[in-house]
Amino acid sequence: MAIEVYWGSGSPFAWRVLLALEIKKIPYLAKRLSFSEQDLKSAEFLAINPRGKVPAIKEGEFCLHESVAILCYLEASHPEPALFAGSPSEQGRIWCAIMECLNYLESQMTDFAGTIFSGQLAAKRAEAIRSRELIETELACINATLAKSLFLIDDRLTAADIVVYPVIQLLLRAANKPASETIAGSLVAVEQVYPALLAWFRRIEAIPGYQRTYPPHWR
């Protein structure tokens, strides 16, 4: 039985799950929901995830939401190729990178990307700039890590890469929206400022099945 995956185009959280499914070659049935049509508030979807957010999965009678929890479930049910495994120190570093993303990058999505996408930049310009400066600090750290290895944890793809990549892509997409260039800083100069980060993007994009996960409305 294929796993049903409920997702929304442009959600970095849902993108994580789709990438993991492709990497692990797990059969799945993609159930795309529309944010504008209020699909996430339908009775059918709320029965799967009462919080009304994507992603969520359904396998038989089992339902699960929260992207990192879903990644852990997929790892336990389909261990190969491993995304969380390794020595104790490697597993610790994987979880450290994941938690840093959740605490320091995701926390900026509202003040930076959310402000831009909602058209509130004029009213919240100062907050957006402060948020962008914090994002730049994090990207500099990630770039330094990737200057020494192919992926975030040495030279193998792990859950850390799958968690971090979609968040950065959303932030960069916001930075490149029209009228955002005056507050975007180095986020519109990735090739010059973060070359190791850009090379990492290309390695992620080379994952078989990657194109099936790419947000349709970003094309």
N, C-alpha and C. Protein backbone atom coordinates (compact mmCIF):
# COMPACT_ATOMS: atom_id res chain seq x y z
N MET A 1 0.84 -1.20 0.00
CA MET A 1 0.00 0.00 0.00
C MET A 1 0.88 1.25 0.00
N ALA A 2 0.65 2.14 -0.96
CA ALA A 2 1.44 3.37 -1.04
C ALA A 2 1.05 4.33 0.08
N ILE A 3 2.03 5.05 0.58
CA ILE A 3 1.78 6.07 1.59
C ILE A 3 1.11 7.27 0.92
N GLU A 4 0.07 7.77 1.54
CA GLU A 4 -0.56 8.99 1.06
C GLU A 4 0.16 10.17 1.70
N VAL A 5 0.59 11.10 0.89
CA VAL A 5 1.33 12.27 1.37
C VAL A 5 0.53 13.53 1.05
N TYR A 6 0.17 14.26 2.07
CA TYR A 6 -0.58 15.51 1.91
C TYR A 6 0.41 16.65 1.99
N TRP A 7 0.45 17.46 0.94
CA TRP A 7 1.48 18.49 0.83
C TRP A 7 0.91 19.72 0.14
N GLY A 8 1.67 20.80 0.22
CA GLY A 8 1.29 22.04 -0.44
C GLY A 8 2.48 22.59 -1.18
N SER A 9 2.27 23.12 -2.37
CA SER A 9 3.36 23.66 -3.17
C SER A 9 4.02 24.84 -2.48
N GLY A 10 5.33 24.75 -2.31
CA GLY A 10 6.08 25.83 -1.67
C GLY A 10 6.32 25.64 -0.20
N SER A 11 5.69 24.64 0.41
CA SER A 11 5.93 24.38 1.83
C SER A 11 7.27 23.68 1.99
N PRO A 12 8.24 24.30 2.67
CA PRO A 12 9.54 23.64 2.85
C PRO A 12 9.42 22.38 3.71
N PHE A 13 8.42 22.36 4.58
CA PHE A 13 8.22 21.21 5.46
C PHE A 13 7.75 20.00 4.66
N ALA A 14 6.81 20.24 3.76
CA ALA A 14 6.34 19.16 2.90
C ALA A 14 7.43 18.72 1.93
N TRP A 15 8.22 19.67 1.46
CA TRP A 15 9.30 19.35 0.52
C TRP A 15 10.27 18.35 1.14
N ARG A 16 10.54 18.49 2.42
CA ARG A 16 11.43 17.54 3.11
C ARG A 16 10.94 16.11 2.95
N VAL A 17 9.66 15.94 3.18
CA VAL A 17 9.09 14.59 3.14
C VAL A 17 9.13 14.03 1.73
N LEU A 18 8.81 14.84 0.74
CA LEU A 18 8.85 14.38 -0.64
C LEU A 18 10.26 13.97 -1.04
N LEU A 19 11.25 14.75 -0.62
CA LEU A 19 12.64 14.40 -0.92
C LEU A 19 13.02 13.06 -0.29
N ALA A 20 12.65 12.88 0.97
CA ALA A 20 12.98 11.62 1.66
C ALA A 20 12.33 10.43 0.96
N LEU A 21 11.10 10.57 0.54
CA LEU A 21 10.41 9.49 -0.16
C LEU A 21 11.11 9.14 -1.46
N GLU A 22 11.56 10.14 -2.18
CA GLU A 22 12.27 9.88 -3.44
C GLU A 22 13.62 9.22 -3.17
N ILE A 23 14.33 9.72 -2.20
CA ILE A 23 15.65 9.16 -1.88
C ILE A 23 15.53 7.69 -1.48
N LYS A 24 14.53 7.39 -0.68
CA LYS A 24 14.34 6.03 -0.21
C LYS A 24 13.55 5.15 -1.18
N LYS A 25 13.11 5.77 -2.29
CA LYS A 25 12.34 5.04 -3.32
C LYS A 25 11.11 4.35 -2.71
N ILE A 26 10.41 5.07 -1.86
CA ILE A 26 9.19 4.56 -1.24
C ILE A 26 8.00 4.94 -2.11
N PRO A 27 7.18 3.99 -2.51
CA PRO A 27 5.98 4.34 -3.29
C PRO A 27 5.06 5.26 -2.49
N TYR A 28 4.58 6.31 -3.13
CA TYR A 28 3.67 7.21 -2.42
C TYR A 28 2.66 7.81 -3.38
N LEU A 29 1.55 8.20 -2.81
CA LEU A 29 0.48 8.86 -3.54
C LEU A 29 0.43 10.31 -3.09
N ALA A 30 0.80 11.21 -3.97
CA ALA A 30 0.87 12.63 -3.62
C ALA A 30 -0.52 13.26 -3.64
N LYS A 31 -0.90 13.86 -2.52
CA LYS A 31 -2.19 14.53 -2.39
C LYS A 31 -1.92 16.03 -2.18
N ARG A 32 -1.89 16.74 -3.27
CA ARG A 32 -1.60 18.17 -3.19
C ARG A 32 -2.81 18.94 -2.71
N LEU A 33 -2.59 19.79 -1.70
CA LEU A 33 -3.65 20.62 -1.15
C LEU A 33 -3.40 22.08 -1.52
N SER A 34 -4.47 22.81 -1.70
CA SER A 34 -4.38 24.23 -2.05
C SER A 34 -4.53 25.08 -0.79
N PHE A 35 -3.57 25.98 -0.59
CA PHE A 35 -3.68 26.90 0.54
C PHE A 35 -4.81 27.90 0.29
N SER A 36 -4.90 28.41 -0.93
CA SER A 36 -5.88 29.46 -1.23
C SER A 36 -7.31 28.94 -1.21
N GLU A 37 -7.48 27.66 -1.51
CA GLU A 37 -8.82 27.07 -1.52
C GLU A 37 -9.24 26.53 -0.16
N GLN A 38 -8.41 26.76 0.85
CA GLN A 38 -8.71 26.33 2.22
C GLN A 38 -8.82 24.80 2.36
N ASP A 39 -8.08 24.08 1.52
CA ASP A 39 -8.11 22.62 1.59
C ASP A 39 -7.63 22.10 2.95
N LEU A 40 -6.73 22.84 3.57
CA LEU A 40 -6.16 22.38 4.84
C LEU A 40 -7.17 22.46 5.98
N LYS A 41 -8.27 23.15 5.76
CA LYS A 41 -9.31 23.28 6.79
C LYS A 41 -10.50 22.36 6.52
N SER A 42 -10.41 21.53 5.49
CA SER A 42 -11.51 20.64 5.17
C SER A 42 -11.65 19.56 6.25
N ALA A 43 -12.85 19.06 6.41
CA ALA A 43 -13.08 18.01 7.41
C ALA A 43 -12.27 16.77 7.10
N GLU A 44 -12.12 16.49 5.81
CA GLU A 44 -11.35 15.30 5.41
C GLU A 44 -9.89 15.40 5.86
N PHE A 45 -9.29 16.58 5.63
CA PHE A 45 -7.88 16.71 6.01
C PHE A 45 -7.71 16.85 7.52
N LEU A 46 -8.62 17.54 8.18
CA LEU A 46 -8.51 17.70 9.63
C LEU A 46 -8.64 16.35 10.35
N ALA A 47 -9.26 15.39 9.71
CA ALA A 47 -9.31 14.05 10.29
C ALA A 47 -7.95 13.37 10.23
N ILE A 48 -7.10 13.83 9.32
CA ILE A 48 -5.75 13.28 9.19
C ILE A 48 -4.77 14.07 10.03
N ASN A 49 -4.88 15.39 9.99
CA ASN A 49 -4.05 16.26 10.84
C ASN A 49 -4.94 17.35 11.43
N PRO A 50 -5.33 17.20 12.68
CA PRO A 50 -6.22 18.18 13.32
C PRO A 50 -5.64 19.59 13.38
N ARG A 51 -4.34 19.72 13.20
CA ARG A 51 -3.73 21.05 13.22
C ARG A 51 -3.91 21.78 11.88
N GLY A 52 -4.33 21.06 10.87
CA GLY A 52 -4.59 21.70 9.60
C GLY A 52 -3.35 22.25 8.91
N LYS A 53 -2.26 21.50 8.98
CA LYS A 53 -1.01 21.93 8.36
C LYS A 53 -0.41 20.77 7.57
N VAL A 54 0.37 21.13 6.55
CA VAL A 54 1.11 20.12 5.81
C VAL A 54 2.58 20.17 6.25
N PRO A 55 3.26 19.03 6.15
CA PRO A 55 2.83 17.78 5.56
C PRO A 55 2.11 16.89 6.57
N ALA A 56 1.44 15.89 6.02
CA ALA A 56 0.88 14.81 6.82
C ALA A 56 0.91 13.57 5.94
N ILE A 57 1.01 12.41 6.57
CA ILE A 57 0.98 11.17 5.81
C ILE A 57 -0.10 10.25 6.39
N LYS A 58 -0.55 9.36 5.55
CA LYS A 58 -1.52 8.36 5.97
C LYS A 58 -1.11 7.03 5.35
N GLU A 59 -0.95 6.03 6.18
CA GLU A 59 -0.60 4.69 5.71
C GLU A 59 -1.55 3.71 6.39
N GLY A 60 -2.54 3.24 5.64
CA GLY A 60 -3.60 2.45 6.26
C GLY A 60 -4.39 3.33 7.21
N GLU A 61 -4.47 2.92 8.45
CA GLU A 61 -5.17 3.72 9.46
C GLU A 61 -4.24 4.65 10.22
N PHE A 62 -2.95 4.55 9.93
CA PHE A 62 -1.95 5.34 10.66
C PHE A 62 -1.76 6.70 10.00
N CYS A 63 -1.85 7.77 10.80
CA CYS A 63 -1.63 9.14 10.32
C CYS A 63 -0.53 9.78 11.15
N LEU A 64 0.24 10.64 10.50
CA LEU A 64 1.33 11.33 11.20
C LEU A 64 1.56 12.68 10.56
N HIS A 65 1.83 13.68 11.39
CA HIS A 65 2.20 14.99 10.88
C HIS A 65 3.49 15.45 11.56
N GLU A 66 3.95 16.63 11.21
CA GLU A 66 5.24 17.22 11.60
C GLU A 66 6.36 16.58 10.77
N SER A 67 7.02 17.41 9.97
CA SER A 67 7.94 16.91 8.96
C SER A 67 9.09 16.06 9.51
N VAL A 68 9.72 16.48 10.58
CA VAL A 68 10.86 15.72 11.10
C VAL A 68 10.39 14.41 11.71
N ALA A 69 9.22 14.42 12.33
CA ALA A 69 8.65 13.17 12.86
C ALA A 69 8.39 12.20 11.71
N ILE A 70 7.88 12.72 10.60
CA ILE A 70 7.63 11.86 9.44
C ILE A 70 8.95 11.29 8.91
N LEU A 71 9.99 12.10 8.86
CA LEU A 71 11.30 11.61 8.41
C LEU A 71 11.77 10.46 9.30
N CYS A 72 11.59 10.60 10.59
CA CYS A 72 11.99 9.54 11.51
C CYS A 72 11.18 8.27 11.27
N TYR A 73 9.89 8.43 11.01
CA TYR A 73 9.04 7.27 10.73
C TYR A 73 9.49 6.57 9.45
N LEU A 74 9.78 7.34 8.41
CA LEU A 74 10.23 6.75 7.15
C LEU A 74 11.56 6.04 7.33
N GLU A 75 12.42 6.58 8.15
CA GLU A 75 13.71 5.94 8.42
C GLU A 75 13.52 4.61 9.12
N ALA A 76 12.60 4.58 10.10
CA ALA A 76 12.37 3.35 10.86
C ALA A 76 11.69 2.28 10.01
N SER A 77 10.78 2.71 9.13
CA SER A 77 10.03 1.74 8.33
C SER A 77 10.76 1.34 7.05
N HIS A 78 11.65 2.20 6.58
CA HIS A 78 12.42 1.93 5.36
C HIS A 78 13.87 2.38 5.63
N PRO A 79 14.66 1.55 6.29
CA PRO A 79 15.98 1.96 6.79
C PRO A 79 17.00 2.34 5.71
N GLU A 80 16.82 1.83 4.49
CA GLU A 80 17.83 2.09 3.46
C GLU A 80 17.24 2.91 2.30
N PRO A 81 18.06 3.81 1.76
CA PRO A 81 19.33 4.27 2.28
C PRO A 81 19.14 5.10 3.56
N ALA A 82 20.06 4.95 4.48
CA ALA A 82 19.92 5.58 5.79
C ALA A 82 20.11 7.09 5.70
N LEU A 83 19.25 7.81 6.40
CA LEU A 83 19.37 9.27 6.48
C LEU A 83 19.76 9.75 7.88
N PHE A 84 19.53 8.91 8.88
CA PHE A 84 19.85 9.29 10.25
C PHE A 84 20.97 8.44 10.86
N ALA A 85 21.37 7.37 10.19
CA ALA A 85 22.30 6.42 10.80
C ALA A 85 23.74 6.92 10.78
N GLY A 86 24.58 6.22 11.52
CA GLY A 86 25.99 6.55 11.60
C GLY A 86 26.50 6.29 12.99
N SER A 87 27.72 6.69 13.25
CA SER A 87 28.29 6.55 14.58
C SER A 87 27.54 7.48 15.53
N PRO A 88 27.71 7.29 16.84
CA PRO A 88 27.07 8.21 17.78
C PRO A 88 27.40 9.67 17.51
N SER A 89 28.65 9.93 17.16
CA SER A 89 29.03 11.32 16.90
C SER A 89 28.36 11.84 15.62
N GLU A 90 28.23 10.98 14.60
CA GLU A 90 27.57 11.39 13.36
C GLU A 90 26.09 11.65 13.59
N GLN A 91 25.45 10.76 14.35
CA GLN A 91 24.03 10.97 14.64
C GLN A 91 23.83 12.25 15.45
N GLY A 92 24.74 12.51 16.36
CA GLY A 92 24.66 13.75 17.14
C GLY A 92 24.78 14.97 16.25
N ARG A 93 25.69 14.91 15.29
CA ARG A 93 25.88 16.05 14.38
C ARG A 93 24.67 16.23 13.45
N ILE A 94 24.08 15.12 13.02
CA ILE A 94 22.86 15.21 12.19
C ILE A 94 21.78 15.96 12.96
N TRP A 95 21.56 15.54 14.20
CA TRP A 95 20.50 16.17 14.99
C TRP A 95 20.85 17.60 15.37
N CYS A 96 22.13 17.87 15.56
CA CYS A 96 22.55 19.25 15.85
C CYS A 96 22.23 20.16 14.66
N ALA A 97 22.55 19.71 13.44
CA ALA A 97 22.26 20.51 12.25
C ALA A 97 20.76 20.71 12.07
N ILE A 98 19.98 19.67 12.35
CA ILE A 98 18.52 19.79 12.25
C ILE A 98 17.99 20.80 13.25
N MET A 99 18.45 20.72 14.49
CA MET A 99 17.97 21.63 15.53
C MET A 99 18.42 23.06 15.27
N GLU A 100 19.61 23.23 14.73
CA GLU A 100 20.05 24.59 14.38
C GLU A 100 19.16 25.17 13.30
N CYS A 101 18.78 24.35 12.34
CA CYS A 101 17.86 24.83 11.30
C CYS A 101 16.53 25.25 11.91
N LEU A 102 15.97 24.39 12.76
CA LEU A 102 14.67 24.69 13.37
C LEU A 102 14.73 25.95 14.22
N ASN A 103 15.82 26.11 14.95
CA ASN A 103 15.91 27.21 15.92
C ASN A 103 16.37 28.53 15.31
N TYR A 104 17.23 28.48 14.29
CA TYR A 104 17.86 29.71 13.81
C TYR A 104 17.50 30.10 12.37
N LEU A 105 17.07 29.15 11.55
CA LEU A 105 16.65 29.51 10.20
C LEU A 105 15.13 29.55 10.08
N GLU A 106 14.47 28.49 10.52
CA GLU A 106 13.00 28.48 10.44
C GLU A 106 12.39 29.64 11.21
N SER A 107 13.04 30.01 12.29
CA SER A 107 12.50 31.10 13.11
C SER A 107 12.49 32.43 12.38
N GLN A 108 13.22 32.52 11.25
CA GLN A 108 13.26 33.77 10.48
C GLN A 108 12.29 33.78 9.30
N MET A 109 11.61 32.67 9.08
CA MET A 109 10.75 32.60 7.90
C MET A 109 9.58 33.59 7.96
N THR A 110 9.05 33.82 9.15
CA THR A 110 7.91 34.73 9.26
C THR A 110 8.33 36.17 9.05
N ASP A 111 9.36 36.62 9.78
CA ASP A 111 9.77 38.02 9.70
C ASP A 111 10.37 38.38 8.35
N PHE A 112 11.03 37.43 7.70
CA PHE A 112 11.64 37.75 6.39
C PHE A 112 10.74 37.30 5.25
N ALA A 113 10.65 35.99 5.03
CA ALA A 113 9.87 35.49 3.89
C ALA A 113 8.39 35.82 4.02
N GLY A 114 7.84 35.63 5.21
CA GLY A 114 6.43 35.90 5.41
C GLY A 114 6.07 37.35 5.16
N THR A 115 6.94 38.26 5.59
CA THR A 115 6.71 39.68 5.37
C THR A 115 6.69 40.01 3.88
N ILE A 116 7.61 39.41 3.14
CA ILE A 116 7.70 39.67 1.70
C ILE A 116 6.51 39.07 0.96
N PHE A 117 6.23 37.81 1.22
CA PHE A 117 5.15 37.14 0.49
C PHE A 117 3.77 37.73 0.79
N SER A 118 3.61 38.29 1.98
CA SER A 118 2.31 38.85 2.36
C SER A 118 2.13 40.30 1.92
N GLY A 119 3.17 40.87 1.32
CA GLY A 119 3.08 42.25 0.86
C GLY A 119 3.15 43.28 1.96
N GLN A 120 3.74 42.91 3.10
CA GLN A 120 3.82 43.83 4.24
C GLN A 120 5.20 44.46 4.42
N LEU A 121 6.02 44.40 3.36
CA LEU A 121 7.40 44.87 3.49
C LEU A 121 7.48 46.35 3.89
N ALA A 122 6.61 47.16 3.35
CA ALA A 122 6.66 48.59 3.67
C ALA A 122 6.44 48.84 5.16
N ALA A 123 5.55 48.06 5.76
CA ALA A 123 5.22 48.26 7.18
C ALA A 123 6.21 47.57 8.11
N LYS A 124 6.87 46.52 7.62
CA LYS A 124 7.73 45.72 8.50
C LYS A 124 9.16 45.63 7.96
N ARG A 125 9.59 46.68 7.32
CA ARG A 125 10.91 46.70 6.69
C ARG A 125 12.03 46.45 7.70
N ALA A 126 11.99 47.12 8.84
CA ALA A 126 13.06 47.00 9.84
C ALA A 126 13.16 45.57 10.36
N GLU A 127 12.00 44.95 10.63
CA GLU A 127 12.00 43.57 11.11
C GLU A 127 12.57 42.62 10.07
N ALA A 128 12.22 42.86 8.79
CA ALA A 128 12.70 42.01 7.71
C ALA A 128 14.22 42.13 7.57
N ILE A 129 14.74 43.32 7.71
CA ILE A 129 16.20 43.52 7.59
C ILE A 129 16.92 42.83 8.75
N ARG A 130 16.41 42.96 9.94
CA ARG A 130 17.04 42.28 11.09
C ARG A 130 17.01 40.77 10.88
N SER A 131 15.92 40.27 10.38
CA SER A 131 15.79 38.84 10.12
C SER A 131 16.79 38.41 9.05
N ARG A 132 16.91 39.20 7.98
CA ARG A 132 17.86 38.86 6.91
C ARG A 132 19.29 38.82 7.42
N GLU A 133 19.63 39.71 8.33
CA GLU A 133 20.99 39.70 8.90
C GLU A 133 21.25 38.41 9.69
N LEU A 134 20.27 37.94 10.40
CA LEU A 134 20.41 36.68 11.12
C LEU A 134 20.53 35.50 10.15
N ILE A 135 19.77 35.56 9.06
CA ILE A 135 19.86 34.52 8.05
C ILE A 135 21.26 34.51 7.44
N GLU A 136 21.80 35.66 7.16
CA GLU A 136 23.15 35.74 6.58
C GLU A 136 24.18 35.11 7.50
N THR A 137 24.03 35.32 8.81
CA THR A 137 24.96 34.69 9.77
C THR A 137 24.89 33.18 9.67
N GLU A 138 23.68 32.64 9.57
CA GLU A 138 23.52 31.19 9.48
C GLU A 138 24.05 30.66 8.15
N LEU A 139 23.79 31.36 7.07
CA LEU A 139 24.27 30.90 5.77
C LEU A 139 25.79 30.92 5.70
N ALA A 140 26.40 31.88 6.35
CA ALA A 140 27.86 31.93 6.38
C ALA A 140 28.42 30.71 7.10
N CYS A 141 27.78 30.32 8.18
CA CYS A 141 28.23 29.13 8.93
C CYS A 141 28.04 27.86 8.09
N ILE A 142 26.90 27.76 7.43
CA ILE A 142 26.64 26.58 6.59
C ILE A 142 27.60 26.54 5.42
N ASN A 143 27.87 27.69 4.82
CA ASN A 143 28.82 27.76 3.71
C ASN A 143 30.21 27.30 4.15
N ALA A 144 30.62 27.70 5.35
CA ALA A 144 31.94 27.29 5.87
C ALA A 144 31.99 25.78 6.07
N THR A 145 30.89 25.20 6.54
CA THR A 145 30.83 23.75 6.71
C THR A 145 30.95 23.05 5.36
N LEU A 146 30.22 23.55 4.38
CA LEU A 146 30.18 22.91 3.07
C LEU A 146 31.45 23.15 2.26
N ALA A 147 32.26 24.10 2.68
CA ALA A 147 33.56 24.30 2.03
C ALA A 147 34.53 23.17 2.36
N LYS A 148 34.17 22.38 3.40
CA LYS A 148 35.05 21.30 3.84
C LYS A 148 34.49 19.91 3.52
N SER A 149 33.24 19.83 3.09
CA SER A 149 32.64 18.53 2.82
C SER A 149 31.55 18.68 1.76
N LEU A 150 31.17 17.55 1.17
CA LEU A 150 30.15 17.58 0.11
C LEU A 150 28.76 17.87 0.65
N PHE A 151 28.49 17.37 1.86
CA PHE A 151 27.18 17.56 2.48
C PHE A 151 27.37 18.09 3.89
N LEU A 152 26.30 18.35 4.59
CA LEU A 152 26.39 18.97 5.92
C LEU A 152 27.09 18.07 6.93
N ILE A 153 26.95 16.75 6.75
CA ILE A 153 27.63 15.81 7.64
C ILE A 153 28.61 15.02 6.79
N ASP A 154 29.80 15.52 6.70
CA ASP A 154 30.86 14.89 5.91
C ASP A 154 30.45 14.79 4.43
N ASP A 155 30.70 13.63 3.82
CA ASP A 155 30.49 13.51 2.38
C ASP A 155 29.32 12.62 2.00
N ARG A 156 28.35 12.46 2.91
CA ARG A 156 27.18 11.65 2.58
C ARG A 156 25.91 12.44 2.87
N LEU A 157 24.93 12.18 2.04
CA LEU A 157 23.63 12.82 2.21
C LEU A 157 22.94 12.27 3.45
N THR A 158 22.43 13.16 4.29
CA THR A 158 21.73 12.74 5.51
C THR A 158 20.44 13.55 5.67
N ALA A 159 19.71 13.23 6.72
CA ALA A 159 18.49 13.97 7.03
C ALA A 159 18.77 15.45 7.25
N ALA A 160 19.97 15.78 7.69
CA ALA A 160 20.30 17.19 7.90
C ALA A 160 20.16 17.98 6.60
N ASP A 161 20.67 17.44 5.52
CA ASP A 161 20.56 18.12 4.22
C ASP A 161 19.11 18.26 3.79
N ILE A 162 18.34 17.20 4.02
CA ILE A 162 16.94 17.18 3.59
C ILE A 162 16.11 18.20 4.39
N VAL A 163 16.46 18.40 5.64
CA VAL A 163 15.74 19.36 6.49
C VAL A 163 16.11 20.79 6.13
N VAL A 164 17.40 21.05 5.93
CA VAL A 164 17.89 22.42 5.76
C VAL A 164 17.62 22.98 4.37
N TYR A 165 17.83 22.17 3.35
CA TYR A 165 17.77 22.66 1.97
C TYR A 165 16.46 23.39 1.63
N PRO A 166 15.28 22.80 1.90
CA PRO A 166 14.04 23.51 1.50
C PRO A 166 13.84 24.85 2.21
N VAL A 167 14.30 24.95 3.45
CA VAL A 167 14.16 26.21 4.18
C VAL A 167 14.98 27.31 3.52
N ILE A 168 16.22 26.98 3.17
CA ILE A 168 17.07 27.97 2.51
C ILE A 168 16.47 28.37 1.16
N GLN A 169 15.94 27.41 0.43
CA GLN A 169 15.35 27.73 -0.87
C GLN A 169 14.18 28.69 -0.73
N LEU A 170 13.36 28.51 0.29
CA LEU A 170 12.24 29.42 0.51
C LEU A 170 12.74 30.83 0.83
N LEU A 171 13.75 30.93 1.68
CA LEU A 171 14.29 32.23 2.05
C LEU A 171 14.89 32.94 0.84
N LEU A 172 15.59 32.20 0.01
CA LEU A 172 16.21 32.80 -1.18
C LEU A 172 15.14 33.21 -2.20
N ARG A 173 14.08 32.42 -2.30
CA ARG A 173 13.00 32.79 -3.21
C ARG A 173 12.36 34.11 -2.77
N ALA A 174 12.17 34.26 -1.47
CA ALA A 174 11.62 35.52 -0.95
C ALA A 174 12.54 36.68 -1.27
N ALA A 175 13.85 36.47 -1.08
CA ALA A 175 14.82 37.54 -1.31
C ALA A 175 14.82 38.00 -2.76
N ASN A 176 14.48 37.09 -3.68
CA ASN A 176 14.52 37.42 -5.10
C ASN A 176 13.18 37.88 -5.66
N LYS A 177 12.20 38.07 -4.80
CA LYS A 177 10.92 38.59 -5.27
C LYS A 177 11.09 40.07 -5.66
N PRO A 178 10.33 40.51 -6.66
CA PRO A 178 10.39 41.92 -7.05
C PRO A 178 10.16 42.84 -5.86
N ALA A 179 10.93 43.92 -5.80
CA ALA A 179 10.84 44.95 -4.74
C ALA A 179 11.49 44.52 -3.44
N SER A 180 12.11 43.32 -3.41
CA SER A 180 12.77 42.86 -2.19
C SER A 180 14.27 43.11 -2.22
N GLU A 181 14.81 43.49 -3.39
CA GLU A 181 16.25 43.59 -3.52
C GLU A 181 16.87 44.62 -2.58
N THR A 182 16.13 45.63 -2.18
CA THR A 182 16.70 46.66 -1.31
C THR A 182 16.94 46.17 0.11
N ILE A 183 16.32 45.06 0.49
CA ILE A 183 16.52 44.55 1.84
C ILE A 183 17.12 43.14 1.84
N ALA A 184 17.43 42.62 0.64
CA ALA A 184 17.84 41.22 0.52
C ALA A 184 19.30 40.97 0.85
N GLY A 185 20.14 41.98 0.81
CA GLY A 185 21.55 41.80 1.15
C GLY A 185 22.22 40.74 0.30
N SER A 186 23.03 39.90 0.94
CA SER A 186 23.79 38.88 0.21
C SER A 186 22.92 37.71 -0.26
N LEU A 187 21.64 37.69 0.11
CA LEU A 187 20.78 36.59 -0.29
C LEU A 187 20.49 36.59 -1.79
N VAL A 188 20.82 37.69 -2.46
CA VAL A 188 20.66 37.74 -3.91
C VAL A 188 22.02 37.62 -4.60
N ALA A 189 23.04 37.24 -3.85
CA ALA A 189 24.38 37.09 -4.42
C ALA A 189 25.02 35.79 -3.92
N VAL A 190 24.24 34.72 -4.00
CA VAL A 190 24.71 33.43 -3.47
C VAL A 190 25.98 32.97 -4.18
N GLU A 191 26.04 33.12 -5.50
CA GLU A 191 27.20 32.64 -6.25
C GLU A 191 28.49 33.30 -5.79
N GLN A 192 28.42 34.59 -5.48
CA GLN A 192 29.62 35.32 -5.07
C GLN A 192 29.94 35.13 -3.58
N VAL A 193 28.92 35.12 -2.75
CA VAL A 193 29.12 35.15 -1.30
C VAL A 193 29.15 33.75 -0.67
N TYR A 194 28.35 32.85 -1.23
CA TYR A 194 28.24 31.51 -0.64
C TYR A 194 28.48 30.42 -1.71
N PRO A 195 29.66 30.37 -2.30
CA PRO A 195 29.90 29.42 -3.40
C PRO A 195 29.77 27.96 -2.99
N ALA A 196 30.17 27.63 -1.78
CA ALA A 196 30.05 26.23 -1.33
C ALA A 196 28.58 25.86 -1.16
N LEU A 197 27.78 26.81 -0.73
CA LEU A 197 26.34 26.58 -0.59
C LEU A 197 25.72 26.30 -1.97
N LEU A 198 26.13 27.08 -2.96
CA LEU A 198 25.61 26.90 -4.30
C LEU A 198 25.98 25.52 -4.86
N ALA A 199 27.21 25.09 -4.63
CA ALA A 199 27.64 23.76 -5.09
C ALA A 199 26.82 22.67 -4.42
N TRP A 200 26.49 22.88 -3.16
CA TRP A 200 25.64 21.92 -2.42
C TRP A 200 24.24 21.88 -3.01
N PHE A 201 23.70 23.03 -3.39
CA PHE A 201 22.40 23.06 -4.07
C PHE A 201 22.42 22.12 -5.28
N ARG A 202 23.47 22.22 -6.06
CA ARG A 202 23.55 21.42 -7.29
C ARG A 202 23.61 19.92 -6.96
N ARG A 203 24.26 19.56 -5.88
CA ARG A 203 24.31 18.14 -5.50
C ARG A 203 22.93 17.65 -5.05
N ILE A 204 22.20 18.48 -4.32
CA ILE A 204 20.85 18.10 -3.92
C ILE A 204 19.95 17.97 -5.16
N GLU A 205 20.10 18.89 -6.08
CA GLU A 205 19.26 18.90 -7.29
C GLU A 205 19.55 17.70 -8.21
N ALA A 206 20.70 17.06 -7.99
CA ALA A 206 21.06 15.89 -8.80
C ALA A 206 20.47 14.59 -8.24
N ILE A 207 19.78 14.66 -7.10
CA ILE A 207 19.15 13.48 -6.52
C ILE A 207 18.11 12.93 -7.50
N PRO A 208 18.13 11.64 -7.81
CA PRO A 208 17.09 11.08 -8.68
C PRO A 208 15.69 11.33 -8.08
N GLY A 209 14.80 11.83 -8.89
CA GLY A 209 13.45 12.14 -8.42
C GLY A 209 13.29 13.54 -7.89
N TYR A 210 14.39 14.30 -7.81
CA TYR A 210 14.32 15.67 -7.27
C TYR A 210 13.26 16.50 -7.98
N GLN A 211 13.23 16.43 -9.31
CA GLN A 211 12.31 17.28 -10.07
C GLN A 211 10.85 17.01 -9.71
N ARG A 212 10.54 15.79 -9.29
CA ARG A 212 9.16 15.48 -8.89
C ARG A 212 8.79 16.18 -7.59
N THR A 213 9.78 16.59 -6.81
CA THR A 213 9.51 17.23 -5.52
C THR A 213 9.48 18.75 -5.62
N TYR A 214 9.97 19.30 -6.70
CA TYR A 214 10.11 20.75 -6.81
C TYR A 214 8.73 21.41 -6.82
N PRO A 215 8.56 22.48 -6.05
CA PRO A 215 7.25 23.15 -5.97
C PRO A 215 6.73 23.55 -7.36
N PRO A 216 5.59 23.03 -7.77
CA PRO A 216 5.10 23.30 -9.13
C PRO A 216 4.94 24.79 -9.46
N HIS A 217 4.48 25.57 -8.49
CA HIS A 217 4.23 26.97 -8.81
C HIS A 217 5.50 27.81 -8.79
N TRP A 218 6.64 27.20 -8.50
CA TRP A 218 7.92 27.90 -8.58
C TRP A 218 8.55 27.77 -9.97
N ARG A 219 8.04 26.90 -10.79
CA ARG A 219 8.67 26.63 -12.09
C ARG A 219 8.50 27.82 -13.04
